Amino acid sequence: MGDKGGNNHSEVTDFILVGIRVRPELQSLLFLLFLIIYGMVLLGNLSMIGIIVTDPRLNAPMYFFLGNLSVIDLSYSTVIVPKAMVNILSHKKTISFAGCVAQLFLYALFMVTEAFVLAAMAYDRFVAICNPLLYSVRLSRSVCIQLVAGSYLCGWVSSILQISVTFSMSFCASRVIDHFYCDSNPIEKISCSNIFMNKMVSFSLAVLIILPTIVVIVVSYMYIVSTVVKIRSSEGRKKAFSTCSSHLGVVSLLYGTVSFVYLTPPNNPELRKLASVCYILFTPMLNPLIYSLRNKDVKDAMKKVLRKKKVLL
């Protein structure tokens, strides 16, 4: 199976995912926790997508981006959680080489795409508040589609680069990945290759992804704040800030949990796994709640759906 002594990654046909280390009697409880939260992820994001698609009042660029954000959250959670749940109850805990490549590719794709979509959403709020008369021109349907397509393209390119350097390594030391999914850092630890190039590529990708998206978000909100404080009526200022609070909440949640994951000391893998659970499960669970609780249009659309259900019952 390519445990030791091999010189090429092609000899490895599968990997073993250690998963989250808990006492045997707590494994069923861990599985139940994953199941409940993943169920909430499915319910929340599918509901958000359904409401945005069916309610004509939500036919605006902001909700187009929000719908795509829900698709992304649902996707990267689904890429990892079902397999992790199977491994919790399984003694084998294996993932095929191809499955590991696919999991890392899709995880990186959706993670990077989400960062760029959130930047596009910040630009949307900037135009809506600072240049409202040009909103329909600068954020036409075709422009919104191009922004989302560009986000996916950036995710696709970065994922291709990431898996190319990760799986070009030799795995002659071990095939045991100390994580509950295939991530580049724990995979690098079981390689017997020189990982300097991997670290350089990962660092370069992080800079190229994080720097422009953070700059767009920060600059957009600098202009938004400077515009809002000039609004004379307190009601107008409150309305303007309320349209941004949900987005700021989601941005803070994303970058907070991702920072928690990648700034956790590498010598503490269990803490890193806990941080990953926060990002992979709690972030996609909370995002729909943040928008449904803080956004008046979404709340009204949900109330409309609930009223219809009551009538049908």
Protein backbone atom coordinates (compact mmCIF):
# COMPACT_ATOMS: atom_id res chain seq x y z
CA MET A 1 0.00 0.00 0.00
CA GLY A 2 3.03 2.30 -0.08
CA ASP A 3 3.62 2.67 3.67
CA LYS A 4 7.41 2.95 3.66
CA GLY A 5 10.36 2.65 1.44
CA GLY A 6 8.67 3.94 -1.70
CA ASN A 7 10.23 6.71 -3.74
CA ASN A 8 7.20 7.99 -5.57
CA HIS A 9 3.73 9.13 -4.59
CA SER A 10 2.20 6.86 -7.26
CA GLU A 11 2.87 3.86 -4.97
CA VAL A 12 0.41 5.25 -2.42
CA THR A 13 -3.11 4.13 -3.24
CA ASP A 14 -4.80 5.53 -0.17
CA PHE A 15 -4.29 7.54 3.01
CA ILE A 16 -5.47 7.04 6.59
CA LEU A 17 -7.26 10.00 8.17
CA VAL A 18 -6.64 9.95 11.92
CA GLY A 19 -9.64 12.19 12.58
CA ILE A 20 -10.42 13.92 15.87
CA ARG A 21 -8.98 11.98 18.78
CA VAL A 22 -11.69 11.27 21.34
CA ARG A 23 -12.33 8.41 23.74
CA PRO A 24 -14.16 5.48 22.09
CA GLU A 25 -17.28 6.05 24.19
CA LEU A 26 -17.51 9.65 22.87
CA GLN A 27 -17.32 8.77 19.17
CA SER A 28 -21.09 8.35 18.85
CA LEU A 29 -21.59 11.73 20.51
CA LEU A 30 -19.09 13.34 18.11
CA PHE A 31 -20.91 11.75 15.15
CA LEU A 32 -24.24 13.08 16.46
CA LEU A 33 -22.76 16.57 16.88
CA PHE A 34 -21.48 16.54 13.29
CA LEU A 35 -24.82 15.22 12.05
CA ILE A 36 -26.89 17.89 13.82
CA ILE A 37 -24.69 20.81 12.76
CA TYR A 38 -24.37 19.53 9.18
CA GLY A 39 -28.16 19.18 9.07
CA MET A 40 -28.44 22.82 10.12
CA VAL A 41 -25.91 23.78 7.42
CA LEU A 42 -28.05 22.03 4.80
CA LEU A 43 -31.32 23.48 6.09
CA GLY A 44 -30.04 27.04 6.48
CA ASN A 45 -28.22 27.35 3.17
CA LEU A 46 -30.79 25.48 1.07
CA SER A 47 -33.52 27.66 2.61
CA MET A 48 -31.53 30.81 1.82
CA ILE A 49 -30.97 29.69 -1.78
CA GLY A 50 -34.65 28.77 -2.17
CA ILE A 51 -35.87 32.12 -0.79
CA ILE A 52 -33.52 34.14 -3.01
CA VAL A 53 -34.46 32.18 -6.14
CA THR A 54 -38.23 32.30 -5.57
CA ASP A 55 -38.85 35.76 -4.07
CA PRO A 56 -38.87 38.55 -6.72
CA ARG A 57 -38.07 41.18 -4.07
CA LEU A 58 -34.65 39.58 -3.63
CA ASN A 59 -33.74 40.01 -7.29
CA ALA A 60 -30.89 42.44 -6.49
CA PRO A 61 -27.10 42.10 -6.86
CA MET A 62 -26.58 41.78 -3.10
CA TYR A 63 -28.84 38.72 -2.95
CA PHE A 64 -27.30 37.25 -6.10
CA PHE A 65 -23.96 37.28 -4.25
CA LEU A 66 -25.61 36.01 -1.07
CA GLY A 67 -27.12 33.09 -2.95
CA ASN A 68 -23.70 32.19 -4.33
CA LEU A 69 -22.22 32.50 -0.85
CA SER A 70 -24.76 29.94 0.39
CA VAL A 71 -23.87 27.59 -2.48
CA ILE A 72 -20.17 27.90 -1.59
CA ASP A 73 -20.75 27.35 2.15
CA LEU A 74 -22.89 24.31 1.44
CA SER A 75 -20.34 22.93 -1.02
CA TYR A 76 -17.14 23.08 1.02
CA SER A 77 -18.93 21.69 4.06
CA THR A 78 -20.30 18.81 1.97
CA VAL A 79 -16.86 18.09 0.51
CA ILE A 80 -15.53 17.26 3.98
CA VAL A 81 -18.22 16.52 6.57
CA PRO A 82 -19.94 13.37 5.17
CA LYS A 83 -16.59 11.58 4.75
CA ALA A 84 -15.51 12.70 8.23
CA MET A 85 -18.76 11.34 9.69
CA VAL A 86 -18.25 7.96 7.99
CA ASN A 87 -14.69 7.78 9.35
CA ILE A 88 -15.83 8.57 12.90
CA LEU A 89 -17.81 5.31 12.96
CA SER A 90 -15.37 3.32 10.83
CA HIS A 91 -12.32 1.38 11.98
CA LYS A 92 -10.67 1.69 8.57
CA LYS A 93 -10.67 5.53 8.28
CA THR A 94 -9.15 5.50 4.80
CA ILE A 95 -9.51 7.80 1.81
CA SER A 96 -8.29 6.89 -1.65
CA PHE A 97 -5.43 8.84 -3.23
CA ALA A 98 -7.80 10.22 -5.88
CA GLY A 99 -10.38 11.03 -3.21
CA CYS A 100 -7.78 12.95 -1.21
CA VAL A 101 -6.73 14.93 -4.29
CA ALA A 102 -10.37 15.74 -5.08
CA GLN A 103 -11.14 16.74 -1.49
CA LEU A 104 -8.19 19.13 -1.23
CA PHE A 105 -8.91 20.59 -4.68
CA LEU A 106 -12.59 21.28 -3.95
CA TYR A 107 -11.92 22.54 -0.42
CA ALA A 108 -9.30 25.03 -1.68
CA LEU A 109 -11.53 25.99 -4.63
CA PHE A 110 -14.51 26.94 -2.48
CA MET A 111 -12.42 28.55 0.26
CA VAL A 112 -10.67 30.90 -2.18
CA THR A 113 -13.88 31.57 -4.12
CA GLU A 114 -15.63 32.60 -0.91
CA ALA A 115 -12.93 35.17 -0.14
CA PHE A 116 -13.37 36.80 -3.56
CA VAL A 117 -17.19 36.68 -3.41
CA LEU A 118 -17.08 38.47 -0.03
CA ALA A 119 -14.86 41.12 -1.63
CA ALA A 120 -17.41 41.48 -4.45
CA MET A 121 -20.15 41.89 -1.84
CA ALA A 122 -18.14 44.70 -0.18
CA TYR A 123 -17.85 46.42 -3.57
CA ASP A 124 -21.61 45.99 -4.01
CA ARG A 125 -22.27 47.79 -0.69
CA PHE A 126 -19.76 50.52 -1.65
CA VAL A 127 -21.55 51.28 -4.92
CA ALA A 128 -25.03 51.04 -3.35
CA ILE A 129 -24.20 53.57 -0.63
CA CYS A 130 -21.58 55.83 -2.21
CA ASN A 131 -22.81 55.87 -5.83
CA PRO A 132 -26.49 54.85 -5.71
CA LEU A 133 -27.35 56.53 -9.02
CA LEU A 134 -24.80 54.35 -10.84
CA TYR A 135 -25.72 51.15 -8.98
CA SER A 136 -27.76 49.55 -11.77
CA VAL A 137 -24.98 50.30 -14.29
CA ARG A 138 -21.91 49.30 -12.27
CA LEU A 139 -23.58 46.19 -10.91
CA SER A 140 -25.70 45.01 -13.79
CA ARG A 141 -26.59 41.34 -14.06
CA SER A 142 -23.73 40.69 -16.47
CA VAL A 143 -21.21 42.42 -14.18
CA CYS A 144 -22.40 40.36 -11.19
CA ILE A 145 -22.06 37.14 -13.18
CA GLN A 146 -18.56 38.16 -14.28
CA LEU A 147 -17.52 38.91 -10.68
CA VAL A 148 -18.74 35.51 -9.46
CA ALA A 149 -17.22 33.71 -12.46
CA GLY A 150 -13.93 35.51 -11.82
CA SER A 151 -14.07 34.42 -8.17
CA TYR A 152 -14.47 30.78 -9.22
CA LEU A 153 -11.66 31.16 -11.76
CA CYS A 154 -9.30 32.46 -9.06
CA GLY A 155 -10.33 29.54 -6.85
CA TRP A 156 -9.77 27.05 -9.67
CA VAL A 157 -6.31 28.38 -10.57
CA SER A 158 -5.11 28.48 -6.94
CA SER A 159 -6.47 24.96 -6.31
CA ILE A 160 -4.69 23.56 -9.35
CA LEU A 161 -1.42 25.09 -8.15
CA GLN A 162 -1.97 23.84 -4.59
CA ILE A 163 -2.67 20.21 -5.48
CA SER A 164 0.08 20.20 -8.13
CA VAL A 165 2.80 20.99 -5.57
CA THR A 166 1.20 18.96 -2.76
CA PHE A 167 0.78 15.69 -4.65
CA SER A 168 4.05 15.93 -6.58
CA MET A 169 5.76 15.05 -3.28
CA SER A 170 6.95 11.55 -2.37
CA PHE A 171 5.17 9.80 0.50
CA CYS A 172 7.70 7.22 1.58
CA ALA A 173 7.57 8.05 5.28
CA SER A 174 3.91 7.37 6.06
CA ARG A 175 0.39 7.49 4.68
CA VAL A 176 -1.25 8.52 7.97
CA ILE A 177 -2.67 12.07 7.82
CA ASP A 178 -3.20 13.54 11.27
CA HIS A 179 -6.44 15.34 10.41
CA PHE A 180 -10.08 14.55 9.62
CA TYR A 181 -9.76 15.70 5.99
CA CYS A 182 -7.03 16.15 3.39
CA ASP A 183 -5.31 19.48 3.99
CA SER A 184 -1.94 20.58 2.63
CA ASN A 185 -0.15 21.10 5.98
CA PRO A 186 -0.72 17.61 7.47
CA ILE A 187 -0.02 16.05 4.06
CA GLU A 188 3.34 17.85 3.91
CA LYS A 189 4.25 16.36 7.30
CA ILE A 190 4.14 12.79 5.94
CA SER A 191 6.26 13.56 2.90
CA CYS A 192 9.93 12.67 2.61
CA SER A 193 10.45 15.35 -0.09
CA ASN A 194 11.90 18.81 0.33
CA ILE A 195 8.80 20.96 1.02
CA PHE A 196 10.48 24.37 0.56
CA MET A 197 8.75 24.88 -2.80
CA ASN A 198 5.40 23.85 -1.29
CA LYS A 199 5.78 26.42 1.48
CA MET A 200 6.72 29.14 -1.02
CA VAL A 201 3.74 28.36 -3.26
CA SER A 202 1.34 28.25 -0.29
CA PHE A 203 2.69 31.55 1.06
CA SER A 204 2.50 33.22 -2.37
CA LEU A 205 -1.07 32.03 -2.89
CA ALA A 206 -2.06 33.26 0.58
CA VAL A 207 -0.63 36.72 -0.17
CA LEU A 208 -2.23 36.89 -3.63
CA ILE A 209 -5.63 35.85 -2.24
CA ILE A 210 -5.79 37.56 1.15
CA LEU A 211 -4.13 40.88 0.29
CA PRO A 212 -6.38 42.01 -2.62
CA THR A 213 -9.60 40.78 -1.00
CA ILE A 214 -8.80 42.47 2.33
CA VAL A 215 -7.80 45.70 0.52
CA VAL A 216 -11.10 45.75 -1.43
CA ILE A 217 -13.12 45.15 1.75
CA VAL A 218 -11.24 47.70 3.88
CA VAL A 219 -11.18 50.44 1.23
CA SER A 220 -14.86 49.87 0.42
CA TYR A 221 -15.84 50.28 4.06
CA MET A 222 -13.62 53.34 4.50
CA TYR A 223 -15.60 55.04 1.73
CA ILE A 224 -18.89 53.70 3.12
CA VAL A 225 -18.20 55.07 6.61
CA SER A 226 -17.11 58.45 5.25
CA THR A 227 -20.32 58.64 3.21
CA VAL A 228 -22.65 57.46 5.96
CA VAL A 229 -21.37 59.94 8.58
CA LYS A 230 -22.33 62.75 6.19
CA ILE A 231 -25.97 61.62 6.15
CA ARG A 232 -27.88 64.11 8.29
CA SER A 233 -30.79 61.96 9.46
CA SER A 234 -30.12 59.31 12.10
CA GLU A 235 -32.68 57.07 10.38
CA GLY A 236 -30.73 57.29 7.11
CA ARG A 237 -27.45 56.45 8.83
CA LYS A 238 -29.06 53.52 10.63
CA LYS A 239 -30.54 52.16 7.39
CA ALA A 240 -27.20 52.47 5.56
CA PHE A 241 -25.23 50.73 8.30
CA SER A 242 -27.86 47.98 8.64
CA THR A 243 -27.30 46.94 5.02
CA CYS A 244 -23.60 46.41 5.80
CA SER A 245 -23.74 44.82 9.26
CA SER A 246 -24.61 41.35 7.96
CA HIS A 247 -21.75 41.38 5.47
CA LEU A 248 -19.30 42.62 8.10
CA GLY A 249 -20.46 39.84 10.43
CA VAL A 250 -19.84 37.17 7.78
CA VAL A 251 -16.43 38.64 6.84
CA SER A 252 -15.36 38.74 10.50
CA LEU A 253 -16.55 35.16 11.02
CA LEU A 254 -14.71 33.87 7.93
CA TYR A 255 -11.37 35.58 8.49
CA GLY A 256 -11.55 34.98 12.23
CA THR A 257 -12.01 31.21 11.89
CA VAL A 258 -9.50 30.89 9.02
CA SER A 259 -6.92 32.80 11.07
CA PHE A 260 -7.67 30.49 13.99
CA VAL A 261 -7.01 27.47 11.73
CA TYR A 262 -3.75 28.61 10.15
CA LEU A 263 -2.25 30.53 13.09
CA THR A 264 -2.73 27.62 15.50
CA PRO A 265 0.70 26.20 16.46
CA PRO A 266 1.57 23.19 14.26
CA ASN A 267 2.72 21.26 17.34
CA ASN A 268 -0.89 21.22 18.58
CA PRO A 269 -2.78 19.25 15.89
CA GLU A 270 -5.87 18.66 18.03
CA LEU A 271 -6.39 22.41 18.54
CA ARG A 272 -5.96 22.88 14.80
CA LYS A 273 -8.64 20.26 14.16
CA LEU A 274 -10.98 22.09 16.53
CA ALA A 275 -10.30 25.33 14.64
CA SER A 276 -11.07 23.53 11.36
CA VAL A 277 -14.40 22.31 12.77
CA CYS A 278 -15.29 25.94 13.51
CA TYR A 279 -14.57 26.94 9.91
CA ILE A 280 -16.04 23.91 8.13
CA LEU A 281 -19.19 23.47 10.24
CA PHE A 282 -19.97 26.54 12.34
CA THR A 283 -19.22 29.23 9.71
CA PRO A 284 -21.59 27.81 7.04
CA MET A 285 -24.18 27.18 9.75
CA LEU A 286 -24.05 30.76 11.10
CA ASN A 287 -23.85 32.69 7.81
CA PRO A 288 -27.54 32.15 6.87
CA LEU A 289 -28.55 33.00 10.45
CA ILE A 290 -26.59 36.27 10.35
CA TYR A 291 -28.30 37.36 7.14
CA SER A 292 -31.75 36.16 8.16
CA LEU A 293 -31.59 37.93 11.52
CA ARG A 294 -29.95 41.16 10.37
CA ASN A 295 -31.49 41.71 6.93
CA LYS A 296 -35.06 43.04 6.77
CA ASP A 297 -35.74 41.86 3.20
CA VAL A 298 -34.64 38.31 3.99
CA LYS A 299 -36.69 38.28 7.20
CA ASP A 300 -39.79 39.50 5.30
CA ALA A 301 -39.26 36.84 2.62
CA MET A 302 -38.97 34.12 5.27
CA LYS A 303 -42.12 35.34 7.02
CA LYS A 304 -43.95 35.23 3.68
CA VAL A 305 -42.90 31.61 3.14
CA LEU A 306 -43.98 30.65 6.68
CA ARG A 307 -47.37 32.32 6.20
CA LYS A 308 -47.90 30.35 2.99
CA LYS A 309 -47.08 27.11 4.80
CA LYS A 310 -49.58 27.95 7.54
CA VAL A 311 -52.28 28.57 4.93
CA LEU A 312 -51.52 25.25 3.22
CA LEU A 313 -51.70 23.42 6.56
